[in-house]
Amino acid sequence: MKQLLLLFLLSFGAKAAFSQDNKAHINHVAVFVVSLQKSVDFYTNVMGLDTIPEPFHDNKHAWYRIGPGAALHVIEGAKEPKEYFLNNHMCFSVASVDGFVEKLKKHQIGWVNAKGEKMLVTTRVDGVKQIWINDPDGYWLEINDAKD
């Protein structure tokens, strides 16, 4: 019985210590957009992201799951789209960049490679293919086929 109690206390103590390590981890990324409907169409139909419940229910927010424990919050209210640097981007991995390019063509969405050259794909030195696209508000998204 004492061993069971000791095991419980050690487990609880380790769990408490782990939860108090105070290391930051990603929770969500937010983008401020002009038209929620255009962004919802893009992130749902082009990017293929799944929505998750959002607490506001005001037709100005849409939340998406973008990874384990991480979300994308799309918030309407921007006056106009802005211009962003290519290196300031979010990155999403897909099974096939070539397959994703076909989807972009169907939606008539252009892309660039790492040098900003239109309709070209970059292949990194490690073999990962990548492209960059803009969402409706000009936010850059890298799309690659990295496995990790």
N, C-alpha and C. Protein backbone atom coordinates (compact mmCIF):
# COMPACT_ATOMS: atom_id res chain seq x y z
N MET A 1 0.82 -1.19 0.00
CA MET A 1 0.00 0.00 0.00
C MET A 1 0.87 1.25 0.00
N LYS A 2 1.96 1.25 0.81
CA LYS A 2 2.85 2.40 0.84
C LYS A 2 3.50 2.61 -0.52
N GLN A 3 3.82 1.51 -1.23
CA GLN A 3 4.44 1.63 -2.55
C GLN A 3 3.46 2.25 -3.54
N LEU A 4 2.20 1.86 -3.46
CA LEU A 4 1.18 2.40 -4.34
C LEU A 4 1.00 3.90 -4.07
N LEU A 5 0.96 4.28 -2.80
CA LEU A 5 0.83 5.68 -2.43
C LEU A 5 2.05 6.48 -2.92
N LEU A 6 3.25 5.92 -2.75
CA LEU A 6 4.47 6.58 -3.21
C LEU A 6 4.45 6.75 -4.73
N LEU A 7 4.03 5.72 -5.44
CA LEU A 7 3.94 5.79 -6.89
C LEU A 7 2.95 6.88 -7.32
N PHE A 8 1.81 6.95 -6.64
CA PHE A 8 0.81 7.97 -6.95
C PHE A 8 1.37 9.37 -6.71
N LEU A 9 2.02 9.57 -5.57
CA LEU A 9 2.58 10.89 -5.26
C LEU A 9 3.68 11.28 -6.23
N LEU A 10 4.53 10.33 -6.61
CA LEU A 10 5.58 10.62 -7.58
C LEU A 10 4.98 10.97 -8.94
N SER A 11 3.96 10.24 -9.34
CA SER A 11 3.31 10.51 -10.62
C SER A 11 2.63 11.87 -10.60
N PHE A 12 1.91 12.15 -9.54
CA PHE A 12 1.22 13.43 -9.42
C PHE A 12 2.23 14.57 -9.37
N GLY A 13 3.29 14.39 -8.62
CA GLY A 13 4.33 15.42 -8.52
C GLY A 13 5.00 15.68 -9.85
N ALA A 14 5.27 14.62 -10.61
CA ALA A 14 5.89 14.78 -11.92
C ALA A 14 4.94 15.50 -12.87
N LYS A 15 3.67 15.15 -12.80
CA LYS A 15 2.68 15.80 -13.66
C LYS A 15 2.55 17.27 -13.28
N ALA A 16 2.51 17.57 -12.01
CA ALA A 16 2.40 18.95 -11.56
C ALA A 16 3.64 19.75 -11.98
N ALA A 17 4.82 19.13 -11.85
CA ALA A 17 6.05 19.82 -12.25
C ALA A 17 6.05 20.07 -13.75
N PHE A 18 5.58 19.10 -14.55
CA PHE A 18 5.54 19.25 -15.99
C PHE A 18 4.60 20.39 -16.38
N SER A 19 3.46 20.48 -15.75
CA SER A 19 2.50 21.52 -16.10
C SER A 19 2.93 22.89 -15.62
N GLN A 20 3.91 22.96 -14.76
CA GLN A 20 4.38 24.24 -14.24
C GLN A 20 5.72 24.65 -14.83
N ASP A 21 6.16 23.96 -15.90
CA ASP A 21 7.47 24.29 -16.47
C ASP A 21 7.48 25.66 -17.14
N ASN A 22 6.29 26.20 -17.44
CA ASN A 22 6.12 27.55 -17.97
C ASN A 22 6.77 27.76 -19.33
N LYS A 23 6.97 26.70 -20.09
CA LYS A 23 7.47 26.85 -21.45
C LYS A 23 6.32 27.23 -22.36
N ALA A 24 6.58 28.13 -23.27
CA ALA A 24 5.56 28.55 -24.22
C ALA A 24 5.35 27.48 -25.29
N HIS A 25 4.14 27.37 -25.75
CA HIS A 25 3.82 26.49 -26.88
C HIS A 25 2.76 27.20 -27.72
N ILE A 26 2.71 26.85 -28.99
CA ILE A 26 1.75 27.52 -29.88
C ILE A 26 0.33 27.14 -29.50
N ASN A 27 -0.54 28.11 -29.44
CA ASN A 27 -1.96 27.90 -29.19
C ASN A 27 -2.74 28.24 -30.45
N HIS A 28 -2.50 29.45 -30.98
CA HIS A 28 -3.18 29.84 -32.22
C HIS A 28 -2.40 30.94 -32.92
N VAL A 29 -2.72 31.10 -34.18
CA VAL A 29 -2.25 32.20 -35.01
C VAL A 29 -3.52 32.92 -35.46
N ALA A 30 -3.50 34.24 -35.48
CA ALA A 30 -4.67 35.00 -35.90
C ALA A 30 -4.34 35.84 -37.13
N VAL A 31 -5.30 35.91 -38.05
CA VAL A 31 -5.18 36.80 -39.19
C VAL A 31 -6.40 37.71 -39.20
N PHE A 32 -6.16 38.98 -39.48
CA PHE A 32 -7.19 40.01 -39.50
C PHE A 32 -7.56 40.26 -40.95
N VAL A 33 -8.81 40.02 -41.33
CA VAL A 33 -9.20 40.00 -42.74
C VAL A 33 -10.30 41.00 -43.06
N VAL A 34 -10.42 41.32 -44.34
CA VAL A 34 -11.46 42.23 -44.80
C VAL A 34 -12.80 41.51 -44.89
N SER A 35 -12.81 40.36 -45.56
CA SER A 35 -14.05 39.62 -45.76
C SER A 35 -13.94 38.23 -45.15
N LEU A 36 -14.71 38.00 -44.11
CA LEU A 36 -14.69 36.68 -43.48
C LEU A 36 -15.13 35.62 -44.48
N GLN A 37 -16.13 35.91 -45.29
CA GLN A 37 -16.65 34.91 -46.23
C GLN A 37 -15.59 34.49 -47.24
N LYS A 38 -14.84 35.45 -47.80
CA LYS A 38 -13.77 35.10 -48.75
C LYS A 38 -12.70 34.25 -48.07
N SER A 39 -12.36 34.61 -46.85
CA SER A 39 -11.33 33.86 -46.12
C SER A 39 -11.82 32.47 -45.74
N VAL A 40 -13.07 32.35 -45.33
CA VAL A 40 -13.64 31.05 -45.00
C VAL A 40 -13.64 30.16 -46.25
N ASP A 41 -14.03 30.72 -47.38
CA ASP A 41 -14.02 29.96 -48.63
C ASP A 41 -12.60 29.48 -48.94
N PHE A 42 -11.63 30.35 -48.80
CA PHE A 42 -10.23 30.00 -49.09
C PHE A 42 -9.70 28.93 -48.13
N TYR A 43 -9.82 29.18 -46.83
CA TYR A 43 -9.23 28.25 -45.86
C TYR A 43 -9.98 26.91 -45.81
N THR A 44 -11.26 26.92 -46.15
CA THR A 44 -12.03 25.68 -46.17
C THR A 44 -11.85 24.92 -47.48
N ASN A 45 -12.06 25.60 -48.61
CA ASN A 45 -12.09 24.92 -49.90
C ASN A 45 -10.74 24.78 -50.59
N VAL A 46 -9.85 25.74 -50.42
CA VAL A 46 -8.53 25.65 -51.04
C VAL A 46 -7.56 24.94 -50.10
N MET A 47 -7.47 25.42 -48.87
CA MET A 47 -6.52 24.84 -47.92
C MET A 47 -7.02 23.52 -47.32
N GLY A 48 -8.33 23.32 -47.31
CA GLY A 48 -8.89 22.07 -46.79
C GLY A 48 -8.84 21.97 -45.27
N LEU A 49 -8.83 23.11 -44.58
CA LEU A 49 -8.78 23.09 -43.12
C LEU A 49 -10.16 22.80 -42.54
N ASP A 50 -10.18 22.16 -41.39
CA ASP A 50 -11.42 21.86 -40.68
C ASP A 50 -11.71 22.95 -39.66
N THR A 51 -12.97 23.41 -39.62
CA THR A 51 -13.35 24.41 -38.63
C THR A 51 -13.46 23.76 -37.25
N ILE A 52 -13.30 24.59 -36.25
CA ILE A 52 -13.51 24.17 -34.86
C ILE A 52 -14.44 25.21 -34.22
N PRO A 53 -15.10 24.85 -33.15
CA PRO A 53 -16.02 25.81 -32.52
C PRO A 53 -15.31 27.09 -32.08
N GLU A 54 -15.97 28.20 -32.31
CA GLU A 54 -15.48 29.50 -31.81
C GLU A 54 -16.56 30.08 -30.92
N PRO A 55 -16.18 30.75 -29.86
CA PRO A 55 -17.15 31.15 -28.83
C PRO A 55 -17.96 32.40 -29.13
N PHE A 56 -17.61 33.15 -30.17
CA PHE A 56 -18.23 34.46 -30.37
C PHE A 56 -19.57 34.41 -31.09
N HIS A 57 -19.68 33.55 -32.09
CA HIS A 57 -20.92 33.40 -32.84
C HIS A 57 -21.45 34.75 -33.34
N ASP A 58 -20.54 35.58 -33.86
CA ASP A 58 -20.91 36.92 -34.30
C ASP A 58 -20.71 37.14 -35.80
N ASN A 59 -20.43 36.07 -36.53
CA ASN A 59 -20.16 36.14 -37.97
C ASN A 59 -18.96 37.01 -38.31
N LYS A 60 -18.06 37.17 -37.36
CA LYS A 60 -16.81 37.90 -37.60
C LYS A 60 -15.59 37.03 -37.28
N HIS A 61 -15.84 35.79 -36.86
CA HIS A 61 -14.75 34.89 -36.48
C HIS A 61 -14.97 33.51 -37.11
N ALA A 62 -13.87 32.91 -37.52
CA ALA A 62 -13.87 31.50 -37.93
C ALA A 62 -12.57 30.91 -37.40
N TRP A 63 -12.68 29.76 -36.77
CA TRP A 63 -11.51 29.10 -36.21
C TRP A 63 -11.28 27.78 -36.93
N TYR A 64 -10.00 27.47 -37.15
CA TYR A 64 -9.60 26.24 -37.85
C TYR A 64 -8.55 25.50 -37.05
N ARG A 65 -8.60 24.19 -37.10
CA ARG A 65 -7.54 23.35 -36.52
C ARG A 65 -6.40 23.33 -37.52
N ILE A 66 -5.18 23.67 -37.08
CA ILE A 66 -4.02 23.65 -37.97
C ILE A 66 -2.93 22.69 -37.50
N GLY A 67 -3.20 21.97 -36.44
CA GLY A 67 -2.25 21.00 -35.92
C GLY A 67 -2.68 20.59 -34.53
N PRO A 68 -1.98 19.65 -33.94
CA PRO A 68 -2.32 19.21 -32.59
C PRO A 68 -2.25 20.39 -31.59
N GLY A 69 -3.38 20.74 -31.03
CA GLY A 69 -3.42 21.81 -30.04
C GLY A 69 -3.18 23.20 -30.60
N ALA A 70 -3.28 23.37 -31.93
CA ALA A 70 -3.02 24.68 -32.54
C ALA A 70 -4.16 25.05 -33.48
N ALA A 71 -4.49 26.33 -33.49
CA ALA A 71 -5.61 26.81 -34.30
C ALA A 71 -5.23 28.05 -35.08
N LEU A 72 -6.00 28.29 -36.12
CA LEU A 72 -5.93 29.53 -36.89
C LEU A 72 -7.23 30.28 -36.61
N HIS A 73 -7.10 31.51 -36.13
CA HIS A 73 -8.27 32.35 -35.88
C HIS A 73 -8.35 33.38 -37.00
N VAL A 74 -9.42 33.35 -37.75
CA VAL A 74 -9.66 34.32 -38.83
C VAL A 74 -10.67 35.31 -38.29
N ILE A 75 -10.29 36.60 -38.29
CA ILE A 75 -11.10 37.64 -37.66
C ILE A 75 -11.39 38.74 -38.67
N GLU A 76 -12.66 39.01 -38.92
CA GLU A 76 -13.05 40.07 -39.86
C GLU A 76 -12.98 41.43 -39.20
N GLY A 77 -12.60 42.45 -39.98
CA GLY A 77 -12.57 43.81 -39.45
C GLY A 77 -11.49 44.68 -40.07
N ALA A 78 -10.58 44.07 -40.84
CA ALA A 78 -9.54 44.87 -41.50
C ALA A 78 -10.18 45.77 -42.55
N LYS A 79 -9.64 46.96 -42.72
CA LYS A 79 -10.18 47.91 -43.70
C LYS A 79 -9.78 47.55 -45.12
N GLU A 80 -8.56 47.01 -45.29
CA GLU A 80 -8.07 46.64 -46.61
C GLU A 80 -6.94 45.61 -46.45
N PRO A 81 -6.71 44.82 -47.50
CA PRO A 81 -5.59 43.88 -47.44
C PRO A 81 -4.27 44.66 -47.38
N LYS A 82 -3.24 44.03 -46.86
CA LYS A 82 -1.93 44.65 -46.76
C LYS A 82 -0.91 43.83 -47.53
N GLU A 83 0.24 44.41 -47.75
CA GLU A 83 1.32 43.69 -48.41
C GLU A 83 2.28 43.17 -47.34
N TYR A 84 2.66 41.90 -47.47
CA TYR A 84 3.53 41.27 -46.49
C TYR A 84 4.76 40.72 -47.19
N PHE A 85 5.84 40.54 -46.45
CA PHE A 85 7.05 39.94 -46.97
C PHE A 85 6.87 38.44 -47.09
N LEU A 86 7.43 37.85 -48.12
CA LEU A 86 7.36 36.41 -48.34
C LEU A 86 7.90 35.63 -47.14
N ASN A 87 8.95 36.14 -46.52
CA ASN A 87 9.54 35.43 -45.38
C ASN A 87 8.70 35.53 -44.11
N ASN A 88 7.67 36.33 -44.12
CA ASN A 88 6.73 36.42 -43.00
C ASN A 88 5.51 35.59 -43.39
N HIS A 89 5.52 34.31 -43.05
CA HIS A 89 4.48 33.41 -43.54
C HIS A 89 4.16 32.31 -42.54
N MET A 90 3.01 31.66 -42.77
CA MET A 90 2.67 30.41 -42.11
C MET A 90 2.99 29.31 -43.09
N CYS A 91 3.30 28.13 -42.60
CA CYS A 91 3.62 27.01 -43.48
C CYS A 91 2.71 25.84 -43.19
N PHE A 92 2.18 25.25 -44.25
CA PHE A 92 1.34 24.06 -44.17
C PHE A 92 1.97 22.97 -45.03
N SER A 93 1.98 21.76 -44.52
CA SER A 93 2.48 20.62 -45.30
C SER A 93 1.32 19.86 -45.91
N VAL A 94 1.54 19.39 -47.13
CA VAL A 94 0.55 18.59 -47.84
C VAL A 94 1.24 17.30 -48.30
N ALA A 95 0.46 16.31 -48.67
CA ALA A 95 1.02 15.05 -49.12
C ALA A 95 1.80 15.23 -50.42
N SER A 96 1.31 16.11 -51.31
CA SER A 96 1.94 16.31 -52.60
C SER A 96 1.81 17.77 -53.02
N VAL A 97 2.93 18.44 -53.20
CA VAL A 97 2.89 19.81 -53.70
C VAL A 97 2.32 19.82 -55.11
N ASP A 98 2.71 18.84 -55.93
CA ASP A 98 2.19 18.77 -57.30
C ASP A 98 0.66 18.63 -57.29
N GLY A 99 0.13 17.81 -56.42
CA GLY A 99 -1.31 17.66 -56.29
C GLY A 99 -1.97 18.95 -55.83
N PHE A 100 -1.32 19.66 -54.90
CA PHE A 100 -1.86 20.92 -54.41
C PHE A 100 -1.85 21.98 -55.51
N VAL A 101 -0.81 21.97 -56.34
CA VAL A 101 -0.73 22.90 -57.47
C VAL A 101 -1.92 22.68 -58.41
N GLU A 102 -2.31 21.43 -58.63
CA GLU A 102 -3.48 21.15 -59.47
C GLU A 102 -4.74 21.76 -58.87
N LYS A 103 -4.86 21.70 -57.55
CA LYS A 103 -6.00 22.33 -56.86
C LYS A 103 -5.98 23.84 -57.05
N LEU A 104 -4.78 24.43 -56.95
CA LEU A 104 -4.65 25.88 -57.15
C LEU A 104 -5.08 26.27 -58.56
N LYS A 105 -4.68 25.47 -59.53
CA LYS A 105 -5.08 25.75 -60.92
C LYS A 105 -6.60 25.74 -61.07
N LYS A 106 -7.26 24.77 -60.45
CA LYS A 106 -8.72 24.68 -60.53
C LYS A 106 -9.39 25.93 -59.93
N HIS A 107 -8.76 26.47 -58.88
CA HIS A 107 -9.30 27.66 -58.22
C HIS A 107 -8.74 28.96 -58.81
N GLN A 108 -7.91 28.83 -59.84
CA GLN A 108 -7.28 29.97 -60.50
C GLN A 108 -6.49 30.84 -59.53
N ILE A 109 -5.68 30.15 -58.72
CA ILE A 109 -4.82 30.82 -57.74
C ILE A 109 -3.38 30.62 -58.15
N GLY A 110 -2.65 31.73 -58.27
CA GLY A 110 -1.23 31.65 -58.63
C GLY A 110 -0.36 31.35 -57.43
N TRP A 111 0.89 31.02 -57.69
CA TRP A 111 1.86 30.73 -56.64
C TRP A 111 3.23 31.18 -57.12
N VAL A 112 4.16 31.24 -56.19
CA VAL A 112 5.55 31.59 -56.51
C VAL A 112 6.48 30.61 -55.82
N ASN A 113 7.73 30.60 -56.27
CA ASN A 113 8.74 29.79 -55.61
C ASN A 113 9.49 30.66 -54.59
N ALA A 114 10.55 30.13 -54.02
CA ALA A 114 11.30 30.84 -52.98
C ALA A 114 11.90 32.16 -53.46
N LYS A 115 12.14 32.27 -54.77
CA LYS A 115 12.70 33.49 -55.33
C LYS A 115 11.62 34.47 -55.78
N GLY A 116 10.35 34.10 -55.60
CA GLY A 116 9.26 34.96 -56.02
C GLY A 116 8.90 34.79 -57.48
N GLU A 117 9.44 33.77 -58.14
CA GLU A 117 9.16 33.52 -59.55
C GLU A 117 7.80 32.83 -59.67
N LYS A 118 6.95 33.39 -60.55
CA LYS A 118 5.58 32.91 -60.68
C LYS A 118 5.50 31.51 -61.29
N MET A 119 4.58 30.72 -60.71
CA MET A 119 4.19 29.41 -61.21
C MET A 119 5.35 28.39 -61.25
N LEU A 120 6.34 28.59 -60.39
CA LEU A 120 7.46 27.64 -60.28
C LEU A 120 7.50 27.06 -58.88
N VAL A 121 8.07 25.86 -58.76
CA VAL A 121 8.19 25.14 -57.49
C VAL A 121 9.66 25.13 -57.09
N THR A 122 9.94 25.35 -55.82
CA THR A 122 11.29 25.23 -55.27
C THR A 122 11.46 23.82 -54.72
N THR A 123 12.63 23.24 -54.95
CA THR A 123 13.00 21.99 -54.28
C THR A 123 14.21 22.30 -53.40
N ARG A 124 14.01 22.17 -52.09
CA ARG A 124 15.10 22.46 -51.15
C ARG A 124 16.21 21.41 -51.28
N VAL A 125 17.35 21.69 -50.67
CA VAL A 125 18.47 20.76 -50.73
C VAL A 125 18.14 19.41 -50.09
N ASP A 126 17.14 19.37 -49.21
CA ASP A 126 16.75 18.11 -48.58
C ASP A 126 15.64 17.39 -49.36
N GLY A 127 15.29 17.92 -50.55
CA GLY A 127 14.31 17.27 -51.40
C GLY A 127 12.88 17.71 -51.19
N VAL A 128 12.62 18.56 -50.20
CA VAL A 128 11.26 19.03 -49.93
C VAL A 128 10.86 20.05 -50.99
N LYS A 129 9.69 19.84 -51.60
CA LYS A 129 9.15 20.80 -52.56
C LYS A 129 8.35 21.84 -51.81
N GLN A 130 8.38 23.10 -52.31
CA GLN A 130 7.65 24.17 -51.64
C GLN A 130 7.22 25.25 -52.64
N ILE A 131 6.09 25.85 -52.31
CA ILE A 131 5.57 27.01 -53.04
C ILE A 131 5.01 27.99 -52.02
N TRP A 132 4.70 29.20 -52.48
CA TRP A 132 4.06 30.19 -51.62
C TRP A 132 2.84 30.74 -52.33
N ILE A 133 1.77 30.94 -51.58
CA ILE A 133 0.55 31.54 -52.10
C ILE A 133 0.09 32.63 -51.14
N ASN A 134 -0.77 33.51 -51.64
CA ASN A 134 -1.40 34.51 -50.79
C ASN A 134 -2.83 34.10 -50.50
N ASP A 135 -3.26 34.35 -49.26
CA ASP A 135 -4.68 34.20 -48.96
C ASP A 135 -5.38 35.46 -49.49
N PRO A 136 -6.70 35.58 -49.38
CA PRO A 136 -7.40 36.74 -49.94
C PRO A 136 -6.95 38.09 -49.39
N ASP A 137 -6.31 38.11 -48.22
CA ASP A 137 -5.86 39.37 -47.63
C ASP A 137 -4.37 39.60 -47.76
N GLY A 138 -3.70 38.78 -48.56
CA GLY A 138 -2.28 38.99 -48.81
C GLY A 138 -1.34 38.29 -47.86
N TYR A 139 -1.86 37.54 -46.88
CA TYR A 139 -0.98 36.79 -45.99
C TYR A 139 -0.31 35.69 -46.79
N TRP A 140 0.99 35.52 -46.61
CA TRP A 140 1.74 34.49 -47.32
C TRP A 140 1.62 33.15 -46.60
N LEU A 141 1.40 32.10 -47.39
CA LEU A 141 1.37 30.74 -46.89
C LEU A 141 2.36 29.92 -47.70
N GLU A 142 3.27 29.27 -47.00
CA GLU A 142 4.14 28.31 -47.67
C GLU A 142 3.42 26.98 -47.66
N ILE A 143 3.49 26.28 -48.77
CA ILE A 143 2.94 24.94 -48.89
C ILE A 143 4.12 24.04 -49.24
N ASN A 144 4.36 23.01 -48.43
CA ASN A 144 5.46 22.10 -48.75
C ASN A 144 5.03 20.65 -48.52
N ASP A 145 5.91 19.74 -48.91
CA ASP A 145 5.61 18.32 -48.73
C ASP A 145 6.52 17.66 -47.71
N ALA A 146 6.99 18.46 -46.73
CA ALA A 146 7.83 17.92 -45.65
C ALA A 146 7.03 16.87 -44.87
N LYS A 147 7.70 15.82 -44.48
CA LYS A 147 7.03 14.73 -43.77
C LYS A 147 6.96 14.97 -42.26
N ASP A 148 7.79 15.81 -41.72
CA ASP A 148 7.77 16.11 -40.27
C ASP A 148 7.44 17.55 -40.02
